[in-house]
C-alpha atoms as a PDB file:
ATOM      1  CA  UNK A   1       2.737 -14.781 -28.865  1.00  0.00           C
ATOM      2  CA  UNK A   2       2.155 -11.694 -30.993  1.00  0.00           C
ATOM      3  CA  UNK A   3       4.659  -9.766 -28.845  1.00  0.00           C
ATOM      4  CA  UNK A   4       7.301 -12.442 -29.408  1.00  0.00           C
ATOM      5  CA  UNK A   5       6.552 -12.466 -33.131  1.00  0.00           C
ATOM      6  CA  UNK A   6       6.869  -8.672 -33.353  1.00  0.00           C
ATOM      7  CA  UNK A   7      10.077  -8.759 -31.289  1.00  0.00           C
ATOM      8  CA  UNK A   8      11.543 -11.563 -33.449  1.00  0.00           C
ATOM      9  CA  UNK A   9      12.024 -13.759 -30.373  1.00  0.00           C
ATOM     10  CA  UNK A  10      11.290 -17.441 -29.959  1.00  0.00           C
ATOM     11  CA  UNK A  11       8.652 -18.747 -27.564  1.00  0.00           C
ATOM     12  CA  UNK A  12       8.599 -22.476 -26.842  1.00  0.00           C
ATOM     13  CA  UNK A  13       5.290 -24.044 -25.766  1.00  0.00           C
ATOM     14  CA  UNK A  14       4.466 -27.599 -24.718  1.00  0.00           C
ATOM     15  CA  UNK A  15       0.809 -28.622 -24.576  1.00  0.00           C
ATOM     16  CA  UNK A  16       0.657 -31.383 -21.973  1.00  0.00           C
ATOM     17  CA  UNK A  17      -1.980 -34.087 -22.239  1.00  0.00           C
ATOM     18  CA  UNK A  18      -2.787 -36.340 -19.280  1.00  0.00           C
ATOM     19  CA  UNK A  19      -3.676 -39.930 -20.057  1.00  0.00           C
ATOM     20  CA  UNK A  20      -7.198 -40.775 -18.810  1.00  0.00           C
ATOM     21  CA  UNK A  21      -6.936 -37.937 -16.311  1.00  0.00           C
ATOM     22  CA  UNK A  22     -10.236 -38.449 -14.450  1.00  0.00           C
ATOM     23  CA  UNK A  23      -9.827 -42.223 -14.273  1.00  0.00           C
ATOM     24  CA  UNK A  24      -6.317 -42.094 -12.791  1.00  0.00           C
ATOM     25  CA  UNK A  25      -6.831 -39.870  -9.741  1.00  0.00           C
ATOM     26  CA  UNK A  26      -5.835 -41.969  -6.690  1.00  0.00           C
ATOM     27  CA  UNK A  27      -8.469 -41.808  -3.964  1.00  0.00           C
ATOM     28  CA  UNK A  28      -5.894 -41.250  -1.194  1.00  0.00           C
ATOM     29  CA  UNK A  29      -4.453 -38.320  -3.148  1.00  0.00           C
ATOM     30  CA  UNK A  30      -7.967 -36.906  -3.469  1.00  0.00           C
ATOM     31  CA  UNK A  31      -8.533 -36.947   0.302  1.00  0.00           C
ATOM     32  CA  UNK A  32      -5.061 -35.476   0.882  1.00  0.00           C
ATOM     33  CA  UNK A  33      -5.611 -32.643  -1.623  1.00  0.00           C
ATOM     34  CA  UNK A  34      -9.029 -31.817  -0.188  1.00  0.00           C
ATOM     35  CA  UNK A  35      -7.609 -31.494   3.324  1.00  0.00           C
ATOM     36  CA  UNK A  36      -4.604 -29.510   2.105  1.00  0.00           C
ATOM     37  CA  UNK A  37      -6.966 -27.119   0.280  1.00  0.00           C
ATOM     38  CA  UNK A  38      -8.722 -26.380   3.566  1.00  0.00           C
ATOM     39  CA  UNK A  39     -11.894 -28.393   3.017  1.00  0.00           C
ATOM     40  CA  UNK A  40     -13.614 -29.119   6.331  1.00  0.00           C
ATOM     41  CA  UNK A  41     -13.205 -32.701   7.537  1.00  0.00           C
ATOM     42  CA  UNK A  42     -16.967 -33.309   7.573  1.00  0.00           C
ATOM     43  CA  UNK A  43     -17.136 -32.547   3.836  1.00  0.00           C
ATOM     44  CA  UNK A  44     -14.154 -34.797   3.168  1.00  0.00           C
ATOM     45  CA  UNK A  45     -16.023 -37.627   4.892  1.00  0.00           C
ATOM     46  CA  UNK A  46     -19.147 -36.909   2.818  1.00  0.00           C
ATOM     47  CA  UNK A  47     -17.145 -37.293  -0.403  1.00  0.00           C
ATOM     48  CA  UNK A  48     -15.484 -40.425   0.980  1.00  0.00           C
ATOM     49  CA  UNK A  49     -18.937 -41.908   1.613  1.00  0.00           C
ATOM     50  CA  UNK A  50     -19.878 -41.136  -2.012  1.00  0.00           C
ATOM     51  CA  UNK A  51     -16.855 -43.065  -3.276  1.00  0.00           C
ATOM     52  CA  UNK A  52     -16.915 -45.932  -0.774  1.00  0.00           C
ATOM     53  CA  UNK A  53     -17.792 -49.319  -2.295  1.00  0.00           C
ATOM     54  CA  UNK A  54     -18.512 -47.767  -5.708  1.00  0.00           C
ATOM     55  CA  UNK A  55     -19.219 -50.457  -8.305  1.00  0.00           C
ATOM     56  CA  UNK A  56     -19.835 -50.525 -12.038  1.00  0.00           C
ATOM     57  CA  UNK A  57     -20.385 -52.808 -15.033  1.00  0.00           C
ATOM     58  CA  UNK A  58     -19.195 -52.732 -18.644  1.00  0.00           C
ATOM     59  CA  UNK A  59     -21.950 -53.051 -21.241  1.00  0.00           C
ATOM     60  CA  UNK A  60     -21.193 -54.105 -24.825  1.00  0.00           C
ATOM     61  CA  UNK A  61     -22.923 -55.611 -27.865  1.00  0.00           C
ATOM     62  CA  UNK A  62     -22.944 -59.156 -26.460  1.00  0.00           C
ATOM     63  CA  UNK A  63     -24.134 -58.250 -22.964  1.00  0.00           C
ATOM     64  CA  UNK A  64     -22.585 -56.868 -19.819  1.00  0.00           C
ATOM     65  CA  UNK A  65     -19.994 -57.946 -17.292  1.00  0.00           C
ATOM     66  CA  UNK A  66     -20.548 -58.727 -13.663  1.00  0.00           C
ATOM     67  CA  UNK A  67     -20.258 -55.846 -11.216  1.00  0.00           C
ATOM     68  CA  UNK A  68     -16.760 -54.966 -10.053  1.00  0.00           C
ATOM     69  CA  UNK A  69     -15.304 -52.440  -7.624  1.00  0.00           C
ATOM     70  CA  UNK A  70     -13.937 -49.088  -8.812  1.00  0.00           C
ATOM     71  CA  UNK A  71     -11.104 -48.129  -6.474  1.00  0.00           C
ATOM     72  CA  UNK A  72      -9.417 -45.336  -8.432  1.00  0.00           C
ATOM     73  CA  UNK A  73     -10.533 -42.268 -10.377  1.00  0.00           C
ATOM     74  CA  UNK A  74     -13.392 -39.791 -10.144  1.00  0.00           C
ATOM     75  CA  UNK A  75     -17.039 -40.508 -10.863  1.00  0.00           C
ATOM     76  CA  UNK A  76     -17.879 -39.949 -14.525  1.00  0.00           C
ATOM     77  CA  UNK A  77     -20.861 -37.643 -15.075  1.00  0.00           C
ATOM     78  CA  UNK A  78     -20.856 -36.262 -11.533  1.00  0.00           C
ATOM     79  CA  UNK A  79     -21.246 -32.485 -11.226  1.00  0.00           C
ATOM     80  CA  UNK A  80     -18.740 -32.550  -8.360  1.00  0.00           C
ATOM     81  CA  UNK A  81     -15.960 -34.312 -10.301  1.00  0.00           C
ATOM     82  CA  UNK A  82     -14.627 -31.263 -12.248  1.00  0.00           C
ATOM     83  CA  UNK A  83     -14.303 -29.305  -9.000  1.00  0.00           C
ATOM     84  CA  UNK A  84     -12.525 -32.194  -7.257  1.00  0.00           C
ATOM     85  CA  UNK A  85     -10.203 -32.678 -10.225  1.00  0.00           C
ATOM     86  CA  UNK A  86      -9.290 -28.976 -10.304  1.00  0.00           C
ATOM     87  CA  UNK A  87      -8.513 -29.165  -6.584  1.00  0.00           C
ATOM     88  CA  UNK A  88      -6.272 -32.198  -7.105  1.00  0.00           C
ATOM     89  CA  UNK A  89      -4.404 -30.594 -10.022  1.00  0.00           C
ATOM     90  CA  UNK A  90      -3.922 -27.371  -8.081  1.00  0.00           C
ATOM     91  CA  UNK A  91      -2.250 -29.206  -5.215  1.00  0.00           C
ATOM     92  CA  UNK A  92      -0.243 -31.717  -7.260  1.00  0.00           C
ATOM     93  CA  UNK A  93       1.239 -28.996  -9.467  1.00  0.00           C
ATOM     94  CA  UNK A  94       1.949 -26.530  -6.658  1.00  0.00           C
ATOM     95  CA  UNK A  95       5.655 -27.331  -6.420  1.00  0.00           C
ATOM     96  CA  UNK A  96       6.346 -27.075 -10.183  1.00  0.00           C
ATOM     97  CA  UNK A  97       3.799 -24.519 -11.349  1.00  0.00           C
ATOM     98  CA  UNK A  98       5.218 -21.168 -12.466  1.00  0.00           C
ATOM     99  CA  UNK A  99       3.474 -17.822 -12.653  1.00  0.00           C
ATOM    100  CA  UNK A 100       1.284 -16.968 -15.635  1.00  0.00           C
ATOM    101  CA  UNK A 101       1.932 -16.758 -18.553  1.00  0.00           C
ATOM    102  CA  UNK A 102       4.758 -19.334 -18.255  1.00  0.00           C
ATOM    103  CA  UNK A 103       2.321 -21.957 -16.987  1.00  0.00           C
ATOM    104  CA  UNK A 104      -1.366 -21.975 -17.890  1.00  0.00           C
ATOM    105  CA  UNK A 105      -3.862 -24.545 -16.633  1.00  0.00           C
ATOM    106  CA  UNK A 106      -7.530 -25.212 -17.209  1.00  0.00           C
ATOM    107  CA  UNK A 107      -8.511 -28.552 -15.635  1.00  0.00           C
ATOM    108  CA  UNK A 108      -6.210 -31.070 -17.393  1.00  0.00           C
ATOM    109  CA  UNK A 109      -5.277 -28.702 -20.252  1.00  0.00           C
ATOM    110  CA  UNK A 110      -1.750 -27.585 -19.361  1.00  0.00           C
ATOM    111  CA  UNK A 111       0.565 -25.287 -21.326  1.00  0.00           C
ATOM    112  CA  UNK A 112       4.221 -24.858 -20.339  1.00  0.00           C
ATOM    113  CA  UNK A 113       6.062 -21.922 -21.952  1.00  0.00           C
ATOM    114  CA  UNK A 114       9.646 -20.724 -21.953  1.00  0.00           C
ATOM    115  CA  UNK A 115      11.989 -18.552 -23.993  1.00  0.00           C
ATOM    116  CA  UNK A 116      14.409 -21.450 -24.544  1.00  0.00           C
ATOM    117  CA  UNK A 117      13.914 -25.014 -25.737  1.00  0.00           C
ATOM    118  CA  UNK A 118      16.211 -26.389 -23.042  1.00  0.00           C
ATOM    119  CA  UNK A 119      14.235 -24.684 -20.283  1.00  0.00           C
ATOM    120  CA  UNK A 120      10.832 -25.848 -21.538  1.00  0.00           C
ATOM    121  CA  UNK A 121      12.218 -29.401 -21.820  1.00  0.00           C
ATOM    122  CA  UNK A 122      13.489 -29.206 -18.242  1.00  0.00           C
ATOM    123  CA  UNK A 123      10.142 -27.847 -17.010  1.00  0.00           C
ATOM    124  CA  UNK A 124       8.280 -30.617 -18.845  1.00  0.00           C
ATOM    125  CA  UNK A 125      10.378 -33.258 -17.085  1.00  0.00           C
ATOM    126  CA  UNK A 126       9.682 -31.624 -13.703  1.00  0.00           C
ATOM    127  CA  UNK A 127       5.940 -31.688 -14.433  1.00  0.00           C
ATOM    128  CA  UNK A 128       6.123 -35.334 -15.515  1.00  0.00           C
ATOM    129  CA  UNK A 129       7.926 -36.341 -12.333  1.00  0.00           C
ATOM    130  CA  UNK A 130       5.586 -34.347 -10.065  1.00  0.00           C
ATOM    131  CA  UNK A 131       2.438 -35.792 -11.649  1.00  0.00           C
ATOM    132  CA  UNK A 132       3.508 -39.395 -12.214  1.00  0.00           C
ATOM    133  CA  UNK A 133       4.846 -39.913  -8.707  1.00  0.00           C
ATOM    134  CA  UNK A 134       1.331 -39.055  -7.470  1.00  0.00           C
ATOM    135  CA  UNK A 135      -0.503 -41.479  -9.757  1.00  0.00           C
ATOM    136  CA  UNK A 136      -1.160 -39.360 -12.866  1.00  0.00           C
ATOM    137  CA  UNK A 137       0.426 -40.070 -16.269  1.00  0.00           C
ATOM    138  CA  UNK A 138       1.566 -37.731 -19.064  1.00  0.00           C
ATOM    139  CA  UNK A 139       0.545 -39.044 -22.502  1.00  0.00           C
ATOM    140  CA  UNK A 140       3.642 -39.339 -24.703  1.00  0.00           C
ATOM    141  CA  UNK A 141       1.632 -39.603 -27.912  1.00  0.00           C
ATOM    142  CA  UNK A 142      -0.727 -36.649 -27.345  1.00  0.00           C
ATOM    143  CA  UNK A 143       1.608 -34.146 -25.688  1.00  0.00           C
ATOM    144  CA  UNK A 144       2.742 -31.694 -28.396  1.00  0.00           C
ATOM    145  CA  UNK A 145       5.423 -29.031 -28.811  1.00  0.00           C
ATOM    146  CA  UNK A 146       5.207 -25.767 -30.757  1.00  0.00           C
ATOM    147  CA  UNK A 147       7.787 -23.034 -31.333  1.00  0.00           C
ATOM    148  CA  UNK A 148       6.556 -19.508 -32.056  1.00  0.00           C
ATOM    149  CA  UNK A 149       8.693 -17.467 -34.469  1.00  0.00           C
ATOM    150  CA  UNK A 150      11.037 -20.425 -34.941  1.00  0.00           C
ATOM    151  CA  UNK A 151      14.540 -19.895 -36.251  1.00  0.00           C
ATOM    152  CA  UNK A 152      16.580 -22.479 -38.117  1.00  0.00           C
ATOM    153  CA  UNK A 153      17.957 -25.248 -35.965  1.00  0.00           C
ATOM    154  CA  UNK A 154      15.676 -24.710 -32.959  1.00  0.00           C
ATOM    155  CA  UNK A 155      15.565 -28.466 -32.438  1.00  0.00           C
ATOM    156  CA  UNK A 156      12.942 -30.588 -30.730  1.00  0.00           C
ATOM    157  CA  UNK A 157      11.818 -31.344 -27.187  1.00  0.00           C
ATOM    158  CA  UNK A 158      12.275 -34.773 -25.630  1.00  0.00           C
ATOM    159  CA  UNK A 159      10.472 -36.446 -22.767  1.00  0.00           C
ATOM    160  CA  UNK A 160      12.463 -39.273 -21.153  1.00  0.00           C
ATOM    161  CA  UNK A 161      14.422 -39.676 -24.385  1.00  0.00           C
ATOM    162  CA  UNK A 162      11.304 -39.796 -26.557  1.00  0.00           C
ATOM    163  CA  UNK A 163      10.785 -36.962 -29.048  1.00  0.00           C
ATOM    164  CA  UNK A 164       7.644 -34.899 -28.434  1.00  0.00           C
ATOM    165  CA  UNK A 165       5.538 -34.363 -31.555  1.00  0.00           C
ATOM    166  CA  UNK A 166       6.200 -30.936 -33.091  1.00  0.00           C
ATOM    167  CA  UNK A 167       3.208 -29.062 -34.558  1.00  0.00           C
ATOM    168  CA  UNK A 168       2.568 -25.763 -36.338  1.00  0.00           C
ATOM    169  CA  UNK A 169      -0.822 -25.213 -34.728  1.00  0.00           C
ATOM    170  CA  UNK A 170      -2.756 -26.448 -31.708  1.00  0.00           C
ATOM    171  CA  UNK A 171      -6.373 -26.148 -30.641  1.00  0.00           C
ATOM    172  CA  UNK A 172      -6.387 -24.961 -27.024  1.00  0.00           C
ATOM    173  CA  UNK A 173      -9.647 -24.289 -25.149  1.00  0.00           C
ATOM    174  CA  UNK A 174     -11.563 -24.047 -28.424  1.00  0.00           C
ATOM    175  CA  UNK A 175      -9.200 -21.593 -30.149  1.00  0.00           C
ATOM    176  CA  UNK A 176      -6.507 -22.399 -32.709  1.00  0.00           C
ATOM    177  CA  UNK A 177      -2.992 -21.281 -31.726  1.00  0.00           C
ATOM    178  CA  UNK A 178      -0.552 -20.921 -34.653  1.00  0.00           C
ATOM    179  CA  UNK A 179       3.234 -21.049 -34.500  1.00  0.00           C
ATOM    180  CA  UNK A 180       3.551 -17.890 -36.624  1.00  0.00           C
ATOM    181  CA  UNK A 181       1.501 -15.896 -34.099  1.00  0.00           C
ATOM    182  CA  UNK A 182      -1.232 -15.208 -36.669  1.00  0.00           C
ATOM    183  CA  UNK A 183      -4.953 -15.861 -36.220  1.00  0.00           C
ATOM    184  CA  UNK A 184      -6.001 -16.489 -39.840  1.00  0.00           C
ATOM    185  CA  UNK A 185      -7.008 -20.119 -39.283  1.00  0.00           C
ATOM    186  CA  UNK A 186      -8.977 -19.214 -36.170  1.00  0.00           C
ATOM    187  CA  UNK A 187     -10.910 -16.575 -38.160  1.00  0.00           C
ATOM    188  CA  UNK A 188     -11.717 -19.138 -40.866  1.00  0.00           C
ATOM    189  CA  UNK A 189     -12.991 -21.529 -38.194  1.00  0.00           C
ATOM    190  CA  UNK A 190     -15.141 -18.764 -36.715  1.00  0.00           C
ATOM    191  CA  UNK A 191     -16.626 -18.124 -40.168  1.00  0.00           C
ATOM    192  CA  UNK A 192     -17.320 -21.847 -40.568  1.00  0.00           C
ATOM    193  CA  UNK A 193     -18.905 -21.973 -37.109  1.00  0.00           C
ATOM    194  CA  UNK A 194     -21.124 -19.053 -38.114  1.00  0.00           C
ATOM    195  CA  UNK A 195     -22.287 -20.820 -41.258  1.00  0.00           C
ATOM    196  CA  UNK A 196     -22.974 -23.995 -39.269  1.00  0.00           C
ATOM    197  CA  UNK A 197     -25.153 -21.992 -36.885  1.00  0.00           C
ATOM    198  CA  UNK A 198     -26.882 -20.254 -39.788  1.00  0.00           C
ATOM    199  CA  UNK A 199     -27.776 -23.580 -41.425  1.00  0.00           C
ATOM    200  CA  UNK A 200     -29.321 -24.838 -38.195  1.00  0.00           C
ATOM    201  CA  UNK A 201     -31.825 -21.964 -38.174  1.00  0.00           C
ATOM    202  CA  UNK A 202     -32.057 -21.407 -41.941  1.00  0.00           C
ATOM    203  CA  UNK A 203     -35.656 -22.611 -41.851  1.00  0.00           C
ATOM    204  CA  UNK A 204     -36.493 -19.533 -39.786  1.00  0.00           C
ATOM    205  CA  UNK A 205     -34.057 -17.086 -41.383  1.00  0.00           C
ATOM    206  CA  UNK A 206     -35.153 -17.905 -44.946  1.00  0.00           C
ATOM    207  CA  UNK A 207     -38.895 -17.955 -44.217  1.00  0.00           C
ATOM    208  CA  UNK A 208     -40.344 -14.948 -46.053  1.00  0.00           C
ATOM    209  CA  UNK A 209     -43.361 -14.933 -43.719  1.00  0.00           C
ATOM    210  CA  UNK A 210     -41.152 -13.937 -40.781  1.00  0.00           C
ATOM    211  CA  UNK A 211     -40.284 -10.268 -40.377  1.00  0.00           C
ATOM    212  CA  UNK A 212     -36.745  -8.980 -40.879  1.00  0.00           C
ATOM    213  CA  UNK A 213     -36.661  -7.771 -37.278  1.00  0.00           C
ATOM    214  CA  UNK A 214     -37.332 -11.275 -35.913  1.00  0.00           C
ATOM    215  CA  UNK A 215     -34.761 -12.745 -38.310  1.00  0.00           C
ATOM    216  CA  UNK A 216     -32.195 -10.253 -37.078  1.00  0.00           C
ATOM    217  CA  UNK A 217     -32.929 -11.188 -33.480  1.00  0.00           C
ATOM    218  CA  UNK A 218     -32.546 -14.906 -34.247  1.00  0.00           C
ATOM    219  CA  UNK A 219     -29.293 -14.172 -36.082  1.00  0.00           C
ATOM    220  CA  UNK A 220     -27.889 -12.144 -33.183  1.00  0.00           C
ATOM    221  CA  UNK A 221     -28.856 -14.881 -30.717  1.00  0.00           C
ATOM    222  CA  UNK A 222     -27.710 -18.011 -32.575  1.00  0.00           C
ATOM    223  CA  UNK A 223     -25.261 -17.187 -35.359  1.00  0.00           C
ATOM    224  CA  UNK A 224     -23.235 -14.176 -34.268  1.00  0.00           C
ATOM    225  CA  UNK A 225     -22.084 -15.608 -30.871  1.00  0.00           C
ATOM    226  CA  UNK A 226     -20.571 -18.566 -32.747  1.00  0.00           C
ATOM    227  CA  UNK A 227     -18.629 -16.187 -34.999  1.00  0.00           C
ATOM    228  CA  UNK A 228     -17.442 -13.952 -32.168  1.00  0.00           C
ATOM    229  CA  UNK A 229     -16.374 -16.710 -29.746  1.00  0.00           C
ATOM    230  CA  UNK A 230     -12.983 -15.823 -28.269  1.00  0.00           C
ATOM    231  CA  UNK A 231     -12.245 -13.012 -30.737  1.00  0.00           C
ATOM    232  CA  UNK A 232     -12.046 -10.387 -27.982  1.00  0.00           C
ATOM    233  CA  UNK A 233      -8.599 -11.793 -27.152  1.00  0.00           C
ATOM    234  CA  UNK A 234      -7.389 -11.842 -30.774  1.00  0.00           C
ATOM    235  CA  UNK A 235      -5.648  -8.999 -32.615  1.00  0.00           C
ATOM    236  CA  UNK A 236      -7.621  -8.946 -35.853  1.00  0.00           C
ATOM    237  CA  UNK A 237      -6.108  -7.351 -38.923  1.00  0.00           C
ATOM    238  CA  UNK A 238      -8.321  -5.378 -41.307  1.00  0.00           C
ATOM    239  CA  UNK A 239      -8.219  -8.243 -43.802  1.00  0.00           C
ATOM    240  CA  UNK A 240      -9.504 -10.728 -41.221  1.00  0.00           C
ATOM    241  CA  UNK A 241     -12.176  -8.352 -39.943  1.00  0.00           C
ATOM    242  CA  UNK A 242     -13.315  -7.845 -43.534  1.00  0.00           C
ATOM    243  CA  UNK A 243     -13.468 -11.630 -44.008  1.00  0.00           C
ATOM    244  CA  UNK A 244     -15.850 -11.919 -41.059  1.00  0.00           C
ATOM    245  CA  UNK A 245     -18.042  -9.049 -42.236  1.00  0.00           C
ATOM    246  CA  UNK A 246     -18.282 -10.417 -45.797  1.00  0.00           C
ATOM    247  CA  UNK A 247     -19.490 -13.764 -44.426  1.00  0.00           C
ATOM    248  CA  UNK A 248     -22.023 -12.019 -42.188  1.00  0.00           C
ATOM    249  CA  UNK A 249     -23.441  -9.939 -45.041  1.00  0.00           C
ATOM    250  CA  UNK A 250     -23.847 -13.068 -47.176  1.00  0.00           C
ATOM    251  CA  UNK A 251     -25.895 -14.649 -44.393  1.00  0.00           C
ATOM    252  CA  UNK A 252     -28.033 -11.532 -43.971  1.00  0.00           C
ATOM    253  CA  UNK A 253     -28.659 -11.249 -47.724  1.00  0.00           C
ATOM    254  CA  UNK A 254     -29.695 -14.900 -47.902  1.00  0.00           C
ATOM    255  CA  UNK A 255     -32.000 -14.354 -44.933  1.00  0.00           C
ATOM    256  CA  UNK A 256     -33.660 -11.296 -46.496  1.00  0.00           C
ATOM    257  CA  UNK A 257     -33.942 -12.873 -49.940  1.00  0.00           C
ATOM    258  CA  UNK A 258     -31.737 -10.378 -51.790  1.00  0.00           C
ATOM    259  CA  UNK A 259     -28.533 -10.709 -53.831  1.00  0.00           C
ATOM    260  CA  UNK A 260     -25.735  -8.362 -54.824  1.00  0.00           C
ATOM    261  CA  UNK A 261     -27.416  -7.986 -58.207  1.00  0.00           C
ATOM    262  CA  UNK A 262     -30.219  -6.107 -56.445  1.00  0.00           C
ATOM    263  CA  UNK A 263     -27.640  -3.382 -55.667  1.00  0.00           C
ATOM    264  CA  UNK A 264     -28.873  -2.848 -52.122  1.00  0.00           C
ATOM    265  CA  UNK A 265     -26.321  -1.150 -49.887  1.00  0.00           C
ATOM    266  CA  UNK A 266     -24.837  -3.007 -46.933  1.00  0.00           C
ATOM    267  CA  UNK A 267     -26.028  -0.310 -44.513  1.00  0.00           C
ATOM    268  CA  UNK A 268     -29.607  -0.855 -45.651  1.00  0.00           C
ATOM    269  CA  UNK A 269     -29.268  -4.636 -45.177  1.00  0.00           C
ATOM    270  CA  UNK A 270     -27.978  -4.146 -41.639  1.00  0.00           C
ATOM    271  CA  UNK A 271     -30.613  -1.560 -40.809  1.00  0.00           C
ATOM    272  CA  UNK A 272     -33.433  -3.776 -42.068  1.00  0.00           C
ATOM    273  CA  UNK A 273     -32.257  -6.707 -39.926  1.00  0.00           C
ATOM    274  CA  UNK A 274     -31.311  -4.420 -36.992  1.00  0.00           C
ATOM    275  CA  UNK A 275     -27.789  -5.874 -36.959  1.00  0.00           C
ATOM    276  CA  UNK A 276     -24.783  -3.633 -36.254  1.00  0.00           C
ATOM    277  CA  UNK A 277     -21.357  -3.948 -37.835  1.00  0.00           C
ATOM    278  CA  UNK A 278     -19.529  -7.064 -36.706  1.00  0.00           C
ATOM    279  CA  UNK A 279     -16.234  -5.201 -36.346  1.00  0.00           C
ATOM    280  CA  UNK A 280     -17.862  -2.787 -33.897  1.00  0.00           C
ATOM    281  CA  UNK A 281     -19.155  -5.722 -31.862  1.00  0.00           C
ATOM    282  CA  UNK A 282     -15.669  -7.249 -31.712  1.00  0.00           C
ATOM    283  CA  UNK A 283     -14.226  -3.971 -30.422  1.00  0.00           C
ATOM    284  CA  UNK A 284     -17.083  -3.661 -27.933  1.00  0.00           C
ATOM    285  CA  UNK A 285     -16.386  -7.175 -26.617  1.00  0.00           C
ATOM    286  CA  UNK A 286     -12.664  -6.372 -26.429  1.00  0.00           C
ATOM    287  CA  UNK A 287     -13.287  -3.229 -24.384  1.00  0.00           C
ATOM    288  CA  UNK A 288     -15.666  -5.125 -22.094  1.00  0.00           C
ATOM    289  CA  UNK A 289     -13.040  -7.821 -21.533  1.00  0.00           C
ATOM    290  CA  UNK A 290     -10.327  -5.192 -20.964  1.00  0.00           C
ATOM    291  CA  UNK A 291     -12.479  -3.455 -18.341  1.00  0.00           C
ATOM    292  CA  UNK A 292     -13.179  -6.792 -16.679  1.00  0.00           C
ATOM    293  CA  UNK A 293      -9.433  -7.490 -16.434  1.00  0.00           C
ATOM    294  CA  UNK A 294      -8.680  -3.974 -15.172  1.00  0.00           C
ATOM    295  CA  UNK A 295     -11.206  -4.293 -12.338  1.00  0.00           C
ATOM    296  CA  UNK A 296      -9.686  -7.528 -11.094  1.00  0.00           C
ATOM    297  CA  UNK A 297      -7.023  -7.858  -8.445  1.00  0.00           C
ATOM    298  CA  UNK A 298      -3.538  -7.074  -9.756  1.00  0.00           C
ATOM    299  CA  UNK A 299      -2.352 -10.602  -8.899  1.00  0.00           C
ATOM    300  CA  UNK A 300      -4.964 -12.275 -11.081  1.00  0.00           C
ATOM    301  CA  UNK A 301      -3.629 -14.342 -13.998  1.00  0.00           C
ATOM    302  CA  UNK A 302      -5.130 -12.332 -16.924  1.00  0.00           C
ATOM    303  CA  UNK A 303      -3.588  -9.158 -15.520  1.00  0.00           C
ATOM    304  CA  UNK A 304      -0.225 -10.881 -15.085  1.00  0.00           C
ATOM    305  CA  UNK A 305      -0.364 -12.272 -18.627  1.00  0.00           C
ATOM    306  CA  UNK A 306      -1.174  -8.878 -20.060  1.00  0.00           C
END
C-alpha cells in the first residue's frame, strides 16, 4: 500500500466476510476437500465418525431445548476445526484464488486486491459464485471495500447489484489498514494497548519494594510486546517512533516513581530499568522478520508480496 501511495496509483481492496463460516461448511464438501488434499482414507473415516450423529441443545434463560441433530458445519471449540476449515477454504478457493499479494487469506479472513475497481468487482463476483455454489455465503453487510490513494470519481464496488460498504480504514488480523497508506492510527492503538498492559501490572510496577531490575523485566515481558505487535511490518516515520518512545518513558517514569521535574535523563531511566530504546527493538524485530523471509523458499507468499 505504501508503494502505491508513493507512486500515486490506486489500489482497490475488498475485505470479504463469510456469514457464519464454521456453521455453514457442508459435511459432504468437507469429506471431498479432505480427500482432494491427500488425506488418507482412514483419517477421513475417523473424522466422519466424529461428526456422525452429532447432537446438541440450545440453552437459554427459561431452560433448554430438546436434543436435535447437527448435520452441517464444523464442531465449535474443537482443536481440529480450524485445520479442517483451512483445508476446505484452500480447496474451495483454488479455482479463483490469485497469487499473493492480489489475494490474501487467513482462515475466513479474505482480502481481494486489484489496480482497478472494475477488476476487483469482477474478482469479488467470481469468489461469491465459487463459495456460494459449495454451501458458503458471503455476508453483504460485513464485506467492505477500501481504495488506497483514491482519486476523484473512483466509484464504488457492487455485489449482485448491492453496493458494498466503502470504508477509510479496516482492522485486518489485528492491525489497522488505512486508505491513505499511513499507519498513524495503528501506532495510536499500539500505544493504547501498551497502557492497557501497563495498568494490568501496575500493582507490581508501582510497588516501591520491588527492584527496578524486576520491574524492567515485567515491563519487557508484559507491556512492550503489546506495543510492538505487528510493527515489524510497518514503515514507521520518526514522528510515530517518537510517539511510541514518549509513551514508554512515561510508563517507566511512573514505575520508578520519578517525574520530569526531577530532571533525570532518559538514558538513566532506561539503564535503571534495563530497558533498551524501543526504536532499536522495532528495527531488530524488522531485521529478524526480513531474515526469516529471506531464508524461506522463493515461492512463499511473504517473499512474493515483498
